């Protein structure tokens, strides 16, 4: 009898410990310092594989990220906000939103977008992108302001969108360099390999 009561006590203590540890914030994810980092933290772990649609031609949109039509292009070779030269052969990189062209006001405590010239903590972060049976990894190499001349974009759209280097585009679409007009790329999802420097 005591054994059964003792077992129930241990079970109750075990459940209480599990519940209390689940209520503690995940300390492996740094506190948000960017608008996109705060957005990413609000996603459930299963939702952190962010859906993104990539367009390669402004005149012929292929799809929409919910709430807006947003066009993404391939990155030309260069060096940007991260100080990383990219675009050469074998360059698997992406440019993430710098918070420009946003359609809402944000907290002054948070840096806009994922990164910008003043906030470069996400530079060099590894990410993965999935397209059907193709899984590619790359590096965050620059900050981009999406569609400065187009309608303003929301936080979810800006934070879930990326521009990619030509070589990464080619691998994801299984095309030869320069064939961007022939294949429209829509990623299934993408995310950071490790938590972003939010």
C-alpha atoms as a PDB file:
ATOM      1  CA  UNK A   1       0.000   0.000   0.000  1.00  0.00           C
ATOM      2  CA  UNK A   2       2.778   2.414   0.930  1.00  0.00           C
ATOM      3  CA  UNK A   3       4.600   1.491  -2.277  1.00  0.00           C
ATOM      4  CA  UNK A   4       1.529   2.345  -4.348  1.00  0.00           C
ATOM      5  CA  UNK A   5       1.005   5.652  -2.498  1.00  0.00           C
ATOM      6  CA  UNK A   6       4.737   6.440  -2.766  1.00  0.00           C
ATOM      7  CA  UNK A   7       4.618   5.701  -6.519  1.00  0.00           C
ATOM      8  CA  UNK A   8       1.683   8.062  -6.935  1.00  0.00           C
ATOM      9  CA  UNK A   9       3.561  10.720  -4.994  1.00  0.00           C
ATOM     10  CA  UNK A  10       6.593  10.293  -7.272  1.00  0.00           C
ATOM     11  CA  UNK A  11       4.336  10.457 -10.329  1.00  0.00           C
ATOM     12  CA  UNK A  12       2.698  13.661  -9.047  1.00  0.00           C
ATOM     13  CA  UNK A  13       6.103  15.221  -8.307  1.00  0.00           C
ATOM     14  CA  UNK A  14       7.355  14.165 -11.748  1.00  0.00           C
ATOM     15  CA  UNK A  15       4.347  15.729 -13.469  1.00  0.00           C
ATOM     16  CA  UNK A  16       4.748  18.926 -11.438  1.00  0.00           C
ATOM     17  CA  UNK A  17       8.421  19.142 -12.417  1.00  0.00           C
ATOM     18  CA  UNK A  18       7.577  18.602 -16.095  1.00  0.00           C
ATOM     19  CA  UNK A  19       4.887  21.274 -16.002  1.00  0.00           C
ATOM     20  CA  UNK A  20       7.105  23.765 -14.179  1.00  0.00           C
ATOM     21  CA  UNK A  21      10.056  23.148 -16.509  1.00  0.00           C
ATOM     22  CA  UNK A  22       7.787  23.557 -19.545  1.00  0.00           C
ATOM     23  CA  UNK A  23       6.690  26.938 -18.212  1.00  0.00           C
ATOM     24  CA  UNK A  24      10.277  28.194 -18.022  1.00  0.00           C
ATOM     25  CA  UNK A  25      11.351  30.194 -21.077  1.00  0.00           C
ATOM     26  CA  UNK A  26      13.612  28.466 -23.575  1.00  0.00           C
ATOM     27  CA  UNK A  27      17.001  29.932 -22.708  1.00  0.00           C
ATOM     28  CA  UNK A  28      18.625  28.436 -25.804  1.00  0.00           C
ATOM     29  CA  UNK A  29      16.919  31.149 -27.864  1.00  0.00           C
ATOM     30  CA  UNK A  30      18.400  34.594 -27.247  1.00  0.00           C
ATOM     31  CA  UNK A  31      16.105  37.517 -26.398  1.00  0.00           C
ATOM     32  CA  UNK A  32      14.694  39.319 -29.415  1.00  0.00           C
ATOM     33  CA  UNK A  33      16.654  42.336 -30.603  1.00  0.00           C
ATOM     34  CA  UNK A  34      15.151  42.518 -34.109  1.00  0.00           C
ATOM     35  CA  UNK A  35      11.602  42.787 -35.444  1.00  0.00           C
ATOM     36  CA  UNK A  36      12.008  39.462 -37.268  1.00  0.00           C
ATOM     37  CA  UNK A  37      13.570  37.811 -34.226  1.00  0.00           C
ATOM     38  CA  UNK A  38      10.517  38.774 -32.164  1.00  0.00           C
ATOM     39  CA  UNK A  39       8.252  37.455 -34.955  1.00  0.00           C
ATOM     40  CA  UNK A  40      10.228  34.166 -35.164  1.00  0.00           C
ATOM     41  CA  UNK A  41      10.038  33.660 -31.381  1.00  0.00           C
ATOM     42  CA  UNK A  42       6.211  33.839 -31.527  1.00  0.00           C
ATOM     43  CA  UNK A  43       6.060  30.942 -33.990  1.00  0.00           C
ATOM     44  CA  UNK A  44       5.441  27.491 -32.530  1.00  0.00           C
ATOM     45  CA  UNK A  45       8.520  25.252 -32.965  1.00  0.00           C
ATOM     46  CA  UNK A  46       6.809  23.358 -35.806  1.00  0.00           C
ATOM     47  CA  UNK A  47       5.959  26.661 -37.534  1.00  0.00           C
ATOM     48  CA  UNK A  48       9.552  27.895 -37.502  1.00  0.00           C
ATOM     49  CA  UNK A  49      10.066  26.208 -40.843  1.00  0.00           C
ATOM     50  CA  UNK A  50       8.949  29.379 -42.543  1.00  0.00           C
ATOM     51  CA  UNK A  51       7.004  29.152 -45.773  1.00  0.00           C
ATOM     52  CA  UNK A  52       8.337  31.408 -48.483  1.00  0.00           C
ATOM     53  CA  UNK A  53       7.570  31.950 -52.123  1.00  0.00           C
ATOM     54  CA  UNK A  54      10.271  33.316 -54.356  1.00  0.00           C
ATOM     55  CA  UNK A  55       9.617  35.116 -57.630  1.00  0.00           C
ATOM     56  CA  UNK A  56      12.226  35.765 -60.266  1.00  0.00           C
ATOM     57  CA  UNK A  57      10.417  38.156 -62.575  1.00  0.00           C
ATOM     58  CA  UNK A  58       8.396  41.227 -61.589  1.00  0.00           C
ATOM     59  CA  UNK A  59       6.256  40.998 -64.737  1.00  0.00           C
ATOM     60  CA  UNK A  60       5.198  37.400 -64.142  1.00  0.00           C
ATOM     61  CA  UNK A  61       4.373  36.671 -60.502  1.00  0.00           C
ATOM     62  CA  UNK A  62       4.142  32.977 -59.664  1.00  0.00           C
ATOM     63  CA  UNK A  63       2.370  33.079 -56.332  1.00  0.00           C
ATOM     64  CA  UNK A  64       1.790  35.133 -53.216  1.00  0.00           C
ATOM     65  CA  UNK A  65       2.939  35.131 -49.648  1.00  0.00           C
ATOM     66  CA  UNK A  66      -0.362  35.586 -47.789  1.00  0.00           C
ATOM     67  CA  UNK A  67      -1.512  39.174 -47.732  1.00  0.00           C
ATOM     68  CA  UNK A  68       0.709  40.679 -50.411  1.00  0.00           C
ATOM     69  CA  UNK A  69       2.354  40.099 -53.762  1.00  0.00           C
ATOM     70  CA  UNK A  70       6.083  40.318 -53.249  1.00  0.00           C
ATOM     71  CA  UNK A  71       8.812  39.674 -55.769  1.00  0.00           C
ATOM     72  CA  UNK A  72      12.222  38.248 -54.984  1.00  0.00           C
ATOM     73  CA  UNK A  73      15.191  38.196 -57.307  1.00  0.00           C
ATOM     74  CA  UNK A  74      18.585  36.589 -57.546  1.00  0.00           C
ATOM     75  CA  UNK A  75      21.424  38.428 -55.867  1.00  0.00           C
ATOM     76  CA  UNK A  76      24.128  39.865 -58.119  1.00  0.00           C
ATOM     77  CA  UNK A  77      27.728  39.264 -57.099  1.00  0.00           C
ATOM     78  CA  UNK A  78      28.928  41.689 -54.464  1.00  0.00           C
ATOM     79  CA  UNK A  79      29.666  42.535 -50.862  1.00  0.00           C
ATOM     80  CA  UNK A  80      26.864  43.872 -48.707  1.00  0.00           C
ATOM     81  CA  UNK A  81      25.880  44.649 -45.129  1.00  0.00           C
ATOM     82  CA  UNK A  82      27.584  41.509 -43.825  1.00  0.00           C
ATOM     83  CA  UNK A  83      30.944  42.280 -45.416  1.00  0.00           C
ATOM     84  CA  UNK A  84      30.845  38.835 -47.072  1.00  0.00           C
ATOM     85  CA  UNK A  85      31.648  38.677 -50.786  1.00  0.00           C
ATOM     86  CA  UNK A  86      29.128  36.451 -52.536  1.00  0.00           C
ATOM     87  CA  UNK A  87      27.780  35.479 -55.923  1.00  0.00           C
ATOM     88  CA  UNK A  88      30.772  33.602 -57.287  1.00  0.00           C
ATOM     89  CA  UNK A  89      30.785  29.942 -58.268  1.00  0.00           C
ATOM     90  CA  UNK A  90      29.602  27.718 -55.425  1.00  0.00           C
ATOM     91  CA  UNK A  91      28.092  30.625 -53.493  1.00  0.00           C
ATOM     92  CA  UNK A  92      25.037  29.392 -51.608  1.00  0.00           C
ATOM     93  CA  UNK A  93      23.848  32.536 -49.907  1.00  0.00           C
ATOM     94  CA  UNK A  94      20.764  34.552 -49.102  1.00  0.00           C
ATOM     95  CA  UNK A  95      19.824  38.112 -48.405  1.00  0.00           C
ATOM     96  CA  UNK A  96      17.314  38.612 -45.578  1.00  0.00           C
ATOM     97  CA  UNK A  97      14.990  41.519 -44.922  1.00  0.00           C
ATOM     98  CA  UNK A  98      16.466  44.719 -43.500  1.00  0.00           C
ATOM     99  CA  UNK A  99      13.053  45.981 -42.363  1.00  0.00           C
ATOM    100  CA  UNK A 100      12.728  48.551 -45.137  1.00  0.00           C
ATOM    101  CA  UNK A 101       9.438  49.307 -46.882  1.00  0.00           C
ATOM    102  CA  UNK A 102       7.421  48.096 -43.870  1.00  0.00           C
ATOM    103  CA  UNK A 103       3.687  48.805 -43.648  1.00  0.00           C
ATOM    104  CA  UNK A 104       3.455  49.243 -39.864  1.00  0.00           C
ATOM    105  CA  UNK A 105       5.228  50.882 -36.954  1.00  0.00           C
ATOM    106  CA  UNK A 106       7.437  48.712 -34.761  1.00  0.00           C
ATOM    107  CA  UNK A 107       8.998  48.920 -31.329  1.00  0.00           C
ATOM    108  CA  UNK A 108      11.877  51.368 -31.130  1.00  0.00           C
ATOM    109  CA  UNK A 109      13.650  48.792 -28.939  1.00  0.00           C
ATOM    110  CA  UNK A 110      13.958  46.395 -31.880  1.00  0.00           C
ATOM    111  CA  UNK A 111      16.222  46.711 -34.884  1.00  0.00           C
ATOM    112  CA  UNK A 112      14.259  46.506 -38.179  1.00  0.00           C
ATOM    113  CA  UNK A 113      14.121  43.250 -40.179  1.00  0.00           C
ATOM    114  CA  UNK A 114      16.563  40.381 -39.611  1.00  0.00           C
ATOM    115  CA  UNK A 115      19.693  42.467 -40.071  1.00  0.00           C
ATOM    116  CA  UNK A 116      20.933  45.779 -41.403  1.00  0.00           C
ATOM    117  CA  UNK A 117      24.131  47.796 -41.475  1.00  0.00           C
ATOM    118  CA  UNK A 118      23.828  48.611 -37.752  1.00  0.00           C
ATOM    119  CA  UNK A 119      22.683  45.145 -36.614  1.00  0.00           C
ATOM    120  CA  UNK A 120      24.714  42.370 -38.253  1.00  0.00           C
ATOM    121  CA  UNK A 121      24.396  39.561 -35.680  1.00  0.00           C
ATOM    122  CA  UNK A 122      22.568  37.319 -38.197  1.00  0.00           C
ATOM    123  CA  UNK A 123      25.322  37.709 -40.795  1.00  0.00           C
ATOM    124  CA  UNK A 124      27.007  34.394 -41.492  1.00  0.00           C
ATOM    125  CA  UNK A 125      24.145  32.418 -39.928  1.00  0.00           C
ATOM    126  CA  UNK A 126      23.496  29.078 -41.609  1.00  0.00           C
ATOM    127  CA  UNK A 127      20.036  28.352 -43.021  1.00  0.00           C
ATOM    128  CA  UNK A 128      18.405  25.573 -44.995  1.00  0.00           C
ATOM    129  CA  UNK A 129      15.892  25.750 -47.820  1.00  0.00           C
ATOM    130  CA  UNK A 130      13.649  22.932 -49.042  1.00  0.00           C
ATOM    131  CA  UNK A 131      12.128  22.528 -52.489  1.00  0.00           C
ATOM    132  CA  UNK A 132      10.379  19.184 -52.990  1.00  0.00           C
ATOM    133  CA  UNK A 133      13.150  16.598 -52.595  1.00  0.00           C
ATOM    134  CA  UNK A 134      15.999  19.151 -52.692  1.00  0.00           C
ATOM    135  CA  UNK A 135      17.467  20.295 -49.354  1.00  0.00           C
ATOM    136  CA  UNK A 136      20.162  22.967 -49.553  1.00  0.00           C
ATOM    137  CA  UNK A 137      22.075  24.827 -46.886  1.00  0.00           C
ATOM    138  CA  UNK A 138      23.509  28.286 -47.243  1.00  0.00           C
ATOM    139  CA  UNK A 139      24.783  31.344 -45.414  1.00  0.00           C
ATOM    140  CA  UNK A 140      23.166  34.716 -44.715  1.00  0.00           C
ATOM    141  CA  UNK A 141      25.358  37.114 -46.723  1.00  0.00           C
ATOM    142  CA  UNK A 142      23.472  40.403 -46.985  1.00  0.00           C
ATOM    143  CA  UNK A 143      20.478  42.531 -45.993  1.00  0.00           C
ATOM    144  CA  UNK A 144      17.829  43.493 -48.561  1.00  0.00           C
ATOM    145  CA  UNK A 145      14.958  45.946 -48.636  1.00  0.00           C
ATOM    146  CA  UNK A 146      12.249  44.210 -50.642  1.00  0.00           C
ATOM    147  CA  UNK A 147      10.340  46.232 -53.242  1.00  0.00           C
ATOM    148  CA  UNK A 148      11.222  49.783 -52.271  1.00  0.00           C
ATOM    149  CA  UNK A 149       9.136  50.997 -55.216  1.00  0.00           C
ATOM    150  CA  UNK A 150       6.192  48.655 -54.549  1.00  0.00           C
ATOM    151  CA  UNK A 151       3.412  48.560 -51.968  1.00  0.00           C
ATOM    152  CA  UNK A 152       4.698  48.309 -48.421  1.00  0.00           C
ATOM    153  CA  UNK A 153       5.009  44.837 -46.878  1.00  0.00           C
ATOM    154  CA  UNK A 154       4.029  43.318 -43.533  1.00  0.00           C
ATOM    155  CA  UNK A 155       6.273  41.802 -40.900  1.00  0.00           C
ATOM    156  CA  UNK A 156       5.393  38.151 -41.672  1.00  0.00           C
ATOM    157  CA  UNK A 157       6.024  38.646 -45.382  1.00  0.00           C
ATOM    158  CA  UNK A 158       9.303  40.490 -44.929  1.00  0.00           C
ATOM    159  CA  UNK A 159      10.616  38.116 -42.264  1.00  0.00           C
ATOM    160  CA  UNK A 160       9.769  34.965 -44.237  1.00  0.00           C
ATOM    161  CA  UNK A 161      11.207  36.099 -47.572  1.00  0.00           C
ATOM    162  CA  UNK A 162      14.727  35.746 -48.897  1.00  0.00           C
ATOM    163  CA  UNK A 163      16.649  36.559 -52.053  1.00  0.00           C
ATOM    164  CA  UNK A 164      19.101  33.838 -53.076  1.00  0.00           C
ATOM    165  CA  UNK A 165      22.377  33.707 -54.975  1.00  0.00           C
ATOM    166  CA  UNK A 166      22.334  32.364 -58.524  1.00  0.00           C
ATOM    167  CA  UNK A 167      24.087  29.100 -57.596  1.00  0.00           C
ATOM    168  CA  UNK A 168      21.595  28.374 -54.814  1.00  0.00           C
ATOM    169  CA  UNK A 169      18.727  29.188 -57.183  1.00  0.00           C
ATOM    170  CA  UNK A 170      20.190  26.808 -59.774  1.00  0.00           C
ATOM    171  CA  UNK A 171      20.502  23.972 -57.243  1.00  0.00           C
ATOM    172  CA  UNK A 172      16.977  24.445 -55.914  1.00  0.00           C
ATOM    173  CA  UNK A 173      15.458  24.527 -59.407  1.00  0.00           C
ATOM    174  CA  UNK A 174      17.871  22.010 -60.969  1.00  0.00           C
ATOM    175  CA  UNK A 175      18.669  24.420 -63.804  1.00  0.00           C
ATOM    176  CA  UNK A 176      21.837  25.677 -65.434  1.00  0.00           C
ATOM    177  CA  UNK A 177      23.190  29.107 -64.576  1.00  0.00           C
ATOM    178  CA  UNK A 178      21.146  31.817 -66.255  1.00  0.00           C
ATOM    179  CA  UNK A 179      17.946  29.853 -66.906  1.00  0.00           C
ATOM    180  CA  UNK A 180      15.905  31.874 -64.392  1.00  0.00           C
ATOM    181  CA  UNK A 181      13.289  32.886 -66.947  1.00  0.00           C
ATOM    182  CA  UNK A 182      12.361  29.257 -67.606  1.00  0.00           C
ATOM    183  CA  UNK A 183      11.606  28.036 -64.075  1.00  0.00           C
ATOM    184  CA  UNK A 184       9.697  29.785 -61.315  1.00  0.00           C
ATOM    185  CA  UNK A 185      10.972  28.945 -57.843  1.00  0.00           C
ATOM    186  CA  UNK A 186       8.618  28.510 -54.915  1.00  0.00           C
ATOM    187  CA  UNK A 187      10.306  27.111 -51.805  1.00  0.00           C
ATOM    188  CA  UNK A 188       8.435  24.678 -49.596  1.00  0.00           C
ATOM    189  CA  UNK A 189      10.025  26.162 -46.471  1.00  0.00           C
ATOM    190  CA  UNK A 190      13.219  27.515 -44.957  1.00  0.00           C
ATOM    191  CA  UNK A 191      14.654  28.157 -41.515  1.00  0.00           C
ATOM    192  CA  UNK A 192      17.881  28.754 -39.645  1.00  0.00           C
ATOM    193  CA  UNK A 193      20.038  25.718 -38.850  1.00  0.00           C
ATOM    194  CA  UNK A 194      20.368  27.100 -35.295  1.00  0.00           C
ATOM    195  CA  UNK A 195      18.258  29.802 -33.663  1.00  0.00           C
ATOM    196  CA  UNK A 196      18.794  33.205 -35.259  1.00  0.00           C
ATOM    197  CA  UNK A 197      20.616  35.939 -33.426  1.00  0.00           C
ATOM    198  CA  UNK A 198      17.231  37.411 -32.854  1.00  0.00           C
END
